[in-house]
Amino acid sequence: QAQLVESGGGLVQPGGSLRLSCAASEFTLRYYTLGWFRQAPGKEREGVSCRNWKDGSTYYTDSVKGRFTFFRDNVENKVYLQMNSLKPEDTAVYYCAAYLGSDYGCYVEERYYGYWGQGTQVTVSS
């Protein structure tokens, strides 16, 4: 059964860094559009970033631009979200998701995504 598994979450102080990873089983990530979402306590899940590996287009929500980077490792069939200069407001459960989409662009709307990981907790606190 195709699935995604996130890892790399944890507790970090403000200003610190974490790298989240998302591994796929039973399907090859480079053929899919990938996204990262997060859900903070008491809030709706929001799209953080997405990337279409066919045309290279990448989206970051304004609050993470310049701090987060979404990249992949073809050999390991994984994608990563490098998170730098973390802030307390980045605290959330982070989810990796995928869909088999178009050749151009990507979306951070949940309705497009057919595959989801179980989430990994990121806590930014001193």
Foldseek 3Di string as FASTA:
>chain_A
DKAKAKDWADEAAAQAKIKIKIAIPPDAPLQKKKWKWWDDPPGDIWTAKIANNLVGDIDGDPVQPPFWDWAADRVRSMIMIIGGRDDQVVWTWMKMFIARDDNDDDDGDPVRTDYIYPTDTHGYHD
